[in-house]
Amino acid sequence: MKFIRYLAAFIAVVIIQTTLCRLISIKGIAPDLLLCFLLFLATKEGALIGVFTGFSMGLILDVYSPQTLGIGSLVGSVIGYLAGFLDERKITLDDKYKLPVVFLAALLKGVLTAALVFNAHAAFHHLFLSQILPTAFYTTLVGGVLLLIIGRRK
């Protein structure tokens, strides 16, 4: 039953990410709600589910850009695994730490993806300041607030 609920939520987040997030993007910078969903699921269900979900999400999204096939799966798996260490069944993560976790995860996703795609190209500094950092802030603002709201509903 949980699997079906999570699958339905995943499909809804993919639809929102691919439609609504484009509408609220600022100069091409959009929040990464799929990352927030991955963080939510990994902290609720643990590292194994986080790795599986991150890999699956990455693989599904890699279909849109086949030249980087596999990079999204790898990055999603790493983030799902690391977020799984914050398993709420074992430790309690205070609300004041959830936003920094979202920010750090968004930074990690951007840095890992850029490093794997561009092979530490000289333009990394520009990419970091113009894309990775703003995306991390926007994801934290929108997705982090959503995670806090969802966390309070339980």
N, C-alpha and C. Protein backbone atom coordinates (compact mmCIF):
# COMPACT_ATOMS: atom_id res chain seq x y z
N MET A 1 0.82 -1.20 0.00
CA MET A 1 0.00 0.00 0.00
C MET A 1 0.87 1.26 0.00
N LYS A 2 1.93 1.23 0.83
CA LYS A 2 2.84 2.38 0.86
C LYS A 2 3.48 2.60 -0.50
N PHE A 3 3.84 1.50 -1.15
CA PHE A 3 4.49 1.60 -2.46
C PHE A 3 3.60 2.32 -3.46
N ILE A 4 2.32 1.99 -3.46
CA ILE A 4 1.39 2.62 -4.40
C ILE A 4 1.24 4.11 -4.10
N ARG A 5 1.19 4.46 -2.81
CA ARG A 5 1.11 5.88 -2.44
C ARG A 5 2.36 6.64 -2.88
N TYR A 6 3.52 6.04 -2.64
CA TYR A 6 4.77 6.68 -3.04
C TYR A 6 4.89 6.78 -4.56
N LEU A 7 4.44 5.76 -5.26
CA LEU A 7 4.48 5.78 -6.72
C LEU A 7 3.57 6.88 -7.27
N ALA A 8 2.37 6.99 -6.71
CA ALA A 8 1.45 8.05 -7.13
C ALA A 8 2.03 9.43 -6.83
N ALA A 9 2.65 9.56 -5.66
CA ALA A 9 3.29 10.84 -5.31
C ALA A 9 4.44 11.14 -6.26
N PHE A 10 5.22 10.13 -6.61
CA PHE A 10 6.33 10.32 -7.54
C PHE A 10 5.83 10.80 -8.89
N ILE A 11 4.78 10.16 -9.40
CA ILE A 11 4.21 10.56 -10.69
C ILE A 11 3.71 12.00 -10.63
N ALA A 12 3.05 12.36 -9.52
CA ALA A 12 2.57 13.73 -9.35
C ALA A 12 3.73 14.72 -9.32
N VAL A 13 4.80 14.37 -8.62
CA VAL A 13 5.96 15.27 -8.53
C VAL A 13 6.62 15.43 -9.90
N VAL A 14 6.71 14.34 -10.67
CA VAL A 14 7.29 14.43 -12.02
C VAL A 14 6.45 15.36 -12.88
N ILE A 15 5.14 15.23 -12.80
CA ILE A 15 4.25 16.10 -13.59
C ILE A 15 4.41 17.55 -13.16
N ILE A 16 4.45 17.79 -11.85
CA ILE A 16 4.63 19.16 -11.35
C ILE A 16 5.99 19.70 -11.76
N GLN A 17 7.03 18.87 -11.65
CA GLN A 17 8.39 19.31 -11.99
C GLN A 17 8.50 19.68 -13.47
N THR A 18 7.86 18.91 -14.33
CA THR A 18 8.00 19.15 -15.76
C THR A 18 7.04 20.21 -16.30
N THR A 19 6.03 20.57 -15.53
CA THR A 19 5.07 21.58 -16.01
C THR A 19 5.11 22.85 -15.17
N LEU A 20 4.73 22.74 -13.92
CA LEU A 20 4.59 23.91 -13.07
C LEU A 20 5.92 24.58 -12.76
N CYS A 21 6.95 23.80 -12.54
CA CYS A 21 8.26 24.38 -12.19
C CYS A 21 8.84 25.20 -13.33
N ARG A 22 8.50 24.87 -14.55
CA ARG A 22 8.95 25.69 -15.67
C ARG A 22 8.27 27.05 -15.65
N LEU A 23 7.04 27.07 -15.15
CA LEU A 23 6.31 28.34 -15.09
C LEU A 23 6.83 29.26 -13.99
N ILE A 24 7.36 28.68 -12.91
CA ILE A 24 7.85 29.50 -11.81
C ILE A 24 9.37 29.66 -11.84
N SER A 25 9.97 29.25 -12.95
CA SER A 25 11.43 29.39 -13.05
C SER A 25 11.79 30.86 -13.20
N ILE A 26 12.95 31.20 -12.66
CA ILE A 26 13.46 32.56 -12.73
C ILE A 26 14.76 32.52 -13.51
N LYS A 27 14.74 33.10 -14.72
CA LYS A 27 15.92 33.11 -15.61
C LYS A 27 16.48 31.70 -15.81
N GLY A 28 15.59 30.75 -16.00
CA GLY A 28 16.01 29.37 -16.25
C GLY A 28 16.33 28.57 -15.01
N ILE A 29 16.20 29.15 -13.83
CA ILE A 29 16.47 28.46 -12.58
C ILE A 29 15.14 28.01 -11.99
N ALA A 30 14.99 26.71 -11.79
CA ALA A 30 13.75 26.16 -11.24
C ALA A 30 14.07 25.29 -10.03
N PRO A 31 13.14 25.20 -9.09
CA PRO A 31 13.38 24.33 -7.94
C PRO A 31 13.36 22.86 -8.36
N ASP A 32 14.11 22.06 -7.67
CA ASP A 32 14.20 20.63 -7.96
C ASP A 32 13.32 19.87 -6.97
N LEU A 33 12.05 19.74 -7.30
CA LEU A 33 11.11 19.07 -6.40
C LEU A 33 11.35 17.57 -6.35
N LEU A 34 11.91 17.01 -7.40
CA LEU A 34 12.24 15.58 -7.38
C LEU A 34 13.32 15.29 -6.34
N LEU A 35 14.25 16.19 -6.20
CA LEU A 35 15.27 16.04 -5.16
C LEU A 35 14.62 16.08 -3.78
N CYS A 36 13.68 16.98 -3.59
CA CYS A 36 12.99 17.07 -2.30
C CYS A 36 12.18 15.80 -2.03
N PHE A 37 11.56 15.26 -3.06
CA PHE A 37 10.83 14.00 -2.90
C PHE A 37 11.78 12.88 -2.51
N LEU A 38 12.94 12.84 -3.15
CA LEU A 38 13.94 11.83 -2.82
C LEU A 38 14.40 11.98 -1.38
N LEU A 39 14.65 13.20 -0.93
CA LEU A 39 15.06 13.43 0.45
C LEU A 39 13.97 13.00 1.42
N PHE A 40 12.73 13.35 1.10
CA PHE A 40 11.60 12.96 1.95
C PHE A 40 11.51 11.44 2.07
N LEU A 41 11.57 10.77 0.95
CA LEU A 41 11.43 9.31 0.95
C LEU A 41 12.60 8.63 1.64
N ALA A 42 13.81 9.10 1.38
CA ALA A 42 15.00 8.47 1.98
C ALA A 42 15.02 8.66 3.49
N THR A 43 14.59 9.83 3.96
CA THR A 43 14.58 10.04 5.41
C THR A 43 13.43 9.30 6.08
N LYS A 44 12.39 8.99 5.35
CA LYS A 44 11.28 8.22 5.92
C LYS A 44 11.54 6.72 5.90
N GLU A 45 12.16 6.23 4.83
CA GLU A 45 12.26 4.78 4.62
C GLU A 45 13.67 4.21 4.70
N GLY A 46 14.70 5.05 4.72
CA GLY A 46 16.05 4.55 4.89
C GLY A 46 16.89 4.59 3.62
N ALA A 47 18.15 4.18 3.78
CA ALA A 47 19.14 4.29 2.71
C ALA A 47 18.84 3.38 1.52
N LEU A 48 18.39 2.17 1.77
CA LEU A 48 18.13 1.24 0.66
C LEU A 48 17.03 1.77 -0.25
N ILE A 49 15.95 2.24 0.33
CA ILE A 49 14.87 2.82 -0.46
C ILE A 49 15.36 4.11 -1.13
N GLY A 50 16.20 4.87 -0.43
CA GLY A 50 16.76 6.09 -1.00
C GLY A 50 17.60 5.81 -2.24
N VAL A 51 18.45 4.78 -2.16
CA VAL A 51 19.28 4.41 -3.30
C VAL A 51 18.41 3.94 -4.47
N PHE A 52 17.46 3.08 -4.19
CA PHE A 52 16.58 2.56 -5.23
C PHE A 52 15.79 3.70 -5.89
N THR A 53 15.23 4.57 -5.06
CA THR A 53 14.43 5.68 -5.59
C THR A 53 15.30 6.65 -6.38
N GLY A 54 16.46 6.99 -5.84
CA GLY A 54 17.37 7.90 -6.54
C GLY A 54 17.82 7.34 -7.87
N PHE A 55 18.14 6.06 -7.88
CA PHE A 55 18.55 5.41 -9.13
C PHE A 55 17.41 5.42 -10.14
N SER A 56 16.21 5.05 -9.69
CA SER A 56 15.05 5.00 -10.59
C SER A 56 14.70 6.38 -11.13
N MET A 57 14.69 7.37 -10.25
CA MET A 57 14.38 8.73 -10.69
C MET A 57 15.42 9.21 -11.69
N GLY A 58 16.68 8.97 -11.39
CA GLY A 58 17.74 9.39 -12.30
C GLY A 58 17.64 8.71 -13.65
N LEU A 59 17.34 7.42 -13.64
CA LEU A 59 17.23 6.67 -14.89
C LEU A 59 16.06 7.17 -15.73
N ILE A 60 14.94 7.42 -15.09
CA ILE A 60 13.77 7.93 -15.81
C ILE A 60 14.07 9.30 -16.41
N LEU A 61 14.72 10.16 -15.64
CA LEU A 61 15.01 11.51 -16.13
C LEU A 61 16.16 11.52 -17.13
N ASP A 62 17.05 10.53 -17.05
CA ASP A 62 18.15 10.44 -18.02
C ASP A 62 17.65 10.13 -19.43
N VAL A 63 16.46 9.60 -19.53
CA VAL A 63 15.89 9.30 -20.84
C VAL A 63 15.71 10.59 -21.64
N TYR A 64 15.46 11.71 -20.94
CA TYR A 64 15.28 12.99 -21.62
C TYR A 64 16.59 13.52 -22.19
N SER A 65 17.71 13.11 -21.64
CA SER A 65 19.01 13.56 -22.15
C SER A 65 19.95 12.36 -22.26
N PRO A 66 19.81 11.59 -23.33
CA PRO A 66 20.57 10.34 -23.45
C PRO A 66 22.08 10.52 -23.53
N GLN A 67 22.58 11.71 -23.85
CA GLN A 67 24.03 11.90 -23.90
C GLN A 67 24.65 11.82 -22.51
N THR A 68 23.86 12.02 -21.47
CA THR A 68 24.36 11.90 -20.10
C THR A 68 23.73 10.71 -19.38
N LEU A 69 23.35 9.71 -20.13
CA LEU A 69 22.67 8.55 -19.56
C LEU A 69 23.51 7.90 -18.47
N GLY A 70 22.93 7.74 -17.32
CA GLY A 70 23.60 7.10 -16.20
C GLY A 70 24.08 8.06 -15.14
N ILE A 71 24.33 9.30 -15.52
CA ILE A 71 24.83 10.27 -14.55
C ILE A 71 23.74 10.61 -13.53
N GLY A 72 22.53 10.82 -13.99
CA GLY A 72 21.43 11.10 -13.07
C GLY A 72 21.17 9.95 -12.12
N SER A 73 21.31 8.73 -12.62
CA SER A 73 21.12 7.55 -11.77
C SER A 73 22.19 7.48 -10.69
N LEU A 74 23.42 7.73 -11.08
CA LEU A 74 24.52 7.70 -10.12
C LEU A 74 24.36 8.78 -9.06
N VAL A 75 24.09 9.99 -9.49
CA VAL A 75 23.93 11.11 -8.56
C VAL A 75 22.73 10.88 -7.65
N GLY A 76 21.61 10.42 -8.21
CA GLY A 76 20.43 10.13 -7.40
C GLY A 76 20.68 9.04 -6.38
N SER A 77 21.43 8.02 -6.77
CA SER A 77 21.77 6.94 -5.84
C SER A 77 22.62 7.45 -4.69
N VAL A 78 23.61 8.27 -5.00
CA VAL A 78 24.49 8.82 -3.96
C VAL A 78 23.69 9.68 -2.98
N ILE A 79 22.85 10.55 -3.51
CA ILE A 79 22.07 11.44 -2.64
C ILE A 79 21.05 10.63 -1.83
N GLY A 80 20.41 9.66 -2.46
CA GLY A 80 19.47 8.81 -1.73
C GLY A 80 20.14 8.03 -0.61
N TYR A 81 21.35 7.54 -0.89
CA TYR A 81 22.10 6.80 0.13
C TYR A 81 22.48 7.71 1.29
N LEU A 82 23.01 8.88 0.99
CA LEU A 82 23.42 9.81 2.05
C LEU A 82 22.22 10.30 2.85
N ALA A 83 21.12 10.60 2.17
CA ALA A 83 19.92 11.05 2.88
C ALA A 83 19.34 9.93 3.73
N GLY A 84 19.55 8.70 3.32
CA GLY A 84 19.06 7.56 4.10
C GLY A 84 19.70 7.45 5.46
N PHE A 85 20.87 8.06 5.63
CA PHE A 85 21.50 8.07 6.96
C PHE A 85 20.69 8.91 7.95
N LEU A 86 19.84 9.77 7.44
CA LEU A 86 18.98 10.59 8.29
C LEU A 86 17.62 9.92 8.48
N ASP A 87 17.60 8.62 8.46
CA ASP A 87 16.39 7.81 8.61
C ASP A 87 15.66 8.20 9.89
N GLU A 88 14.44 8.73 9.74
CA GLU A 88 13.68 9.20 10.89
C GLU A 88 13.20 8.08 11.79
N ARG A 89 13.31 6.85 11.35
CA ARG A 89 12.96 5.74 12.23
C ARG A 89 14.06 5.50 13.25
N LYS A 90 15.26 6.01 12.97
CA LYS A 90 16.40 5.81 13.86
C LYS A 90 16.81 7.09 14.59
N ILE A 91 16.74 8.22 13.91
CA ILE A 91 17.09 9.50 14.53
C ILE A 91 16.00 10.51 14.21
N THR A 92 15.91 11.53 15.04
CA THR A 92 14.94 12.59 14.80
C THR A 92 15.69 13.82 14.32
N LEU A 93 15.32 14.29 13.15
CA LEU A 93 15.95 15.48 12.58
C LEU A 93 15.05 16.67 12.87
N ASP A 94 15.56 17.60 13.65
CA ASP A 94 14.81 18.79 14.00
C ASP A 94 14.53 19.62 12.75
N ASP A 95 13.41 20.34 12.77
CA ASP A 95 13.02 21.14 11.61
C ASP A 95 14.08 22.15 11.19
N LYS A 96 14.82 22.69 12.14
CA LYS A 96 15.82 23.70 11.80
C LYS A 96 16.97 23.13 10.99
N TYR A 97 17.11 21.81 10.95
CA TYR A 97 18.17 21.18 10.17
C TYR A 97 17.70 20.70 8.80
N LYS A 98 16.40 20.71 8.57
CA LYS A 98 15.89 20.20 7.29
C LYS A 98 16.25 21.10 6.12
N LEU A 99 16.17 22.40 6.31
CA LEU A 99 16.51 23.32 5.22
C LEU A 99 17.98 23.23 4.84
N PRO A 100 18.91 23.21 5.81
CA PRO A 100 20.32 23.02 5.41
C PRO A 100 20.58 21.68 4.71
N VAL A 101 19.84 20.64 5.09
CA VAL A 101 20.00 19.34 4.43
C VAL A 101 19.55 19.45 2.98
N VAL A 102 18.43 20.12 2.73
CA VAL A 102 17.96 20.31 1.35
C VAL A 102 18.98 21.12 0.56
N PHE A 103 19.50 22.18 1.16
CA PHE A 103 20.48 23.02 0.48
C PHE A 103 21.74 22.23 0.13
N LEU A 104 22.26 21.48 1.10
CA LEU A 104 23.48 20.70 0.86
C LEU A 104 23.25 19.61 -0.18
N ALA A 105 22.08 18.98 -0.15
CA ALA A 105 21.77 17.95 -1.14
C ALA A 105 21.68 18.55 -2.54
N ALA A 106 21.07 19.73 -2.65
CA ALA A 106 20.97 20.40 -3.95
C ALA A 106 22.35 20.81 -4.46
N LEU A 107 23.19 21.30 -3.56
CA LEU A 107 24.57 21.64 -3.95
C LEU A 107 25.32 20.39 -4.40
N LEU A 108 25.19 19.32 -3.64
CA LEU A 108 25.88 18.07 -3.98
C LEU A 108 25.42 17.55 -5.33
N LYS A 109 24.12 17.61 -5.57
CA LYS A 109 23.59 17.15 -6.86
C LYS A 109 24.16 17.98 -8.00
N GLY A 110 24.18 19.29 -7.84
CA GLY A 110 24.71 20.15 -8.89
C GLY A 110 26.19 19.95 -9.13
N VAL A 111 26.95 19.84 -8.06
CA VAL A 111 28.40 19.68 -8.18
C VAL A 111 28.75 18.33 -8.79
N LEU A 112 28.11 17.26 -8.31
CA LEU A 112 28.39 15.93 -8.87
C LEU A 112 28.01 15.85 -10.34
N THR A 113 26.84 16.38 -10.67
CA THR A 113 26.40 16.35 -12.06
C THR A 113 27.35 17.14 -12.95
N ALA A 114 27.72 18.33 -12.51
CA ALA A 114 28.63 19.16 -13.31
C ALA A 114 29.99 18.49 -13.45
N ALA A 115 30.49 17.90 -12.38
CA ALA A 115 31.80 17.25 -12.44
C ALA A 115 31.77 16.05 -13.39
N LEU A 116 30.69 15.30 -13.37
CA LEU A 116 30.61 14.12 -14.23
C LEU A 116 30.32 14.48 -15.68
N VAL A 117 29.54 15.52 -15.91
CA VAL A 117 29.20 15.90 -17.28
C VAL A 117 30.33 16.69 -17.93
N PHE A 118 30.88 17.64 -17.20
CA PHE A 118 31.87 18.54 -17.79
C PHE A 118 33.31 18.16 -17.45
N ASN A 119 33.51 17.09 -16.71
CA ASN A 119 34.86 16.62 -16.36
C ASN A 119 35.73 17.73 -15.77
N ALA A 120 35.18 18.45 -14.80
CA ALA A 120 35.91 19.52 -14.10
C ALA A 120 36.49 20.54 -15.07
N HIS A 121 35.70 20.93 -16.02
CA HIS A 121 36.10 21.93 -17.02
C HIS A 121 36.40 23.26 -16.34
N ALA A 122 37.15 24.09 -17.00
CA ALA A 122 37.57 25.37 -16.42
C ALA A 122 36.39 26.31 -16.14
N ALA A 123 35.28 26.11 -16.80
CA ALA A 123 34.12 26.98 -16.61
C ALA A 123 33.27 26.55 -15.42
N PHE A 124 33.78 25.65 -14.59
CA PHE A 124 33.01 25.17 -13.44
C PHE A 124 32.66 26.31 -12.50
N HIS A 125 33.58 27.23 -12.29
CA HIS A 125 33.34 28.36 -11.39
C HIS A 125 32.13 29.17 -11.85
N HIS A 126 32.08 29.45 -13.14
CA HIS A 126 30.94 30.19 -13.70
C HIS A 126 29.66 29.38 -13.56
N LEU A 127 29.73 28.10 -13.87
CA LEU A 127 28.56 27.23 -13.75
C LEU A 127 28.06 27.16 -12.31
N PHE A 128 28.99 27.09 -11.38
CA PHE A 128 28.62 27.02 -9.97
C PHE A 128 27.87 28.27 -9.54
N LEU A 129 28.38 29.43 -9.93
CA LEU A 129 27.76 30.69 -9.51
C LEU A 129 26.48 31.01 -10.27
N SER A 130 26.39 30.59 -11.53
CA SER A 130 25.23 30.97 -12.33
C SER A 130 24.11 29.95 -12.32
N GLN A 131 24.40 28.68 -12.06
CA GLN A 131 23.37 27.64 -12.11
C GLN A 131 23.22 26.86 -10.80
N ILE A 132 24.32 26.29 -10.32
CA ILE A 132 24.26 25.36 -9.19
C ILE A 132 23.81 26.07 -7.91
N LEU A 133 24.46 27.16 -7.57
CA LEU A 133 24.13 27.87 -6.33
C LEU A 133 22.71 28.46 -6.35
N PRO A 134 22.30 29.15 -7.44
CA PRO A 134 20.91 29.65 -7.46
C PRO A 134 19.87 28.53 -7.41
N THR A 135 20.15 27.41 -8.09
CA THR A 135 19.22 26.29 -8.05
C THR A 135 19.12 25.73 -6.64
N ALA A 136 20.24 25.65 -5.95
CA ALA A 136 20.24 25.15 -4.57
C ALA A 136 19.42 26.06 -3.66
N PHE A 137 19.58 27.37 -3.81
CA PHE A 137 18.80 28.30 -3.00
C PHE A 137 17.31 28.21 -3.31
N TYR A 138 16.97 28.15 -4.59
CA TYR A 138 15.57 28.10 -4.99
C TYR A 138 14.93 26.78 -4.55
N THR A 139 15.66 25.68 -4.68
CA THR A 139 15.16 24.39 -4.23
C THR A 139 14.93 24.41 -2.73
N THR A 140 15.85 25.01 -2.00
CA THR A 140 15.70 25.11 -0.55
C THR A 140 14.50 25.94 -0.18
N LEU A 141 14.32 27.04 -0.88
CA LEU A 141 13.20 27.93 -0.59
C LEU A 141 11.86 27.24 -0.83
N VAL A 142 11.69 26.69 -2.01
CA VAL A 142 10.39 26.09 -2.37
C VAL A 142 10.24 24.69 -1.79
N GLY A 143 11.19 23.82 -2.10
CA GLY A 143 11.08 22.43 -1.67
C GLY A 143 11.26 22.24 -0.18
N GLY A 144 12.17 23.02 0.40
CA GLY A 144 12.38 22.90 1.84
C GLY A 144 11.15 23.29 2.63
N VAL A 145 10.48 24.34 2.19
CA VAL A 145 9.25 24.75 2.85
C VAL A 145 8.18 23.67 2.69
N LEU A 146 8.10 23.07 1.51
CA LEU A 146 7.14 21.98 1.31
C LEU A 146 7.45 20.80 2.23
N LEU A 147 8.73 20.47 2.38
CA LEU A 147 9.11 19.38 3.28
C LEU A 147 8.73 19.69 4.72
N LEU A 148 8.90 20.94 5.13
CA LEU A 148 8.51 21.32 6.49
C LEU A 148 7.00 21.21 6.69
N ILE A 149 6.24 21.62 5.68
CA ILE A 149 4.78 21.53 5.77
C ILE A 149 4.34 20.07 5.82
N ILE A 150 4.90 19.24 4.95
CA ILE A 150 4.55 17.82 4.93
C ILE A 150 4.95 17.15 6.23
N GLY A 151 6.11 17.51 6.77
CA GLY A 151 6.58 16.93 8.02
C GLY A 151 5.70 17.25 9.20
N ARG A 152 5.06 18.39 9.18
CA ARG A 152 4.18 18.79 10.28
C ARG A 152 2.82 18.13 10.20
N ARG A 153 2.46 17.61 9.04
CA ARG A 153 1.16 16.97 8.86
C ARG A 153 1.05 15.63 9.55
N LYS A 154 2.19 15.01 9.85
CA LYS A 154 2.12 13.65 10.40
C LYS A 154 1.65 13.59 11.81
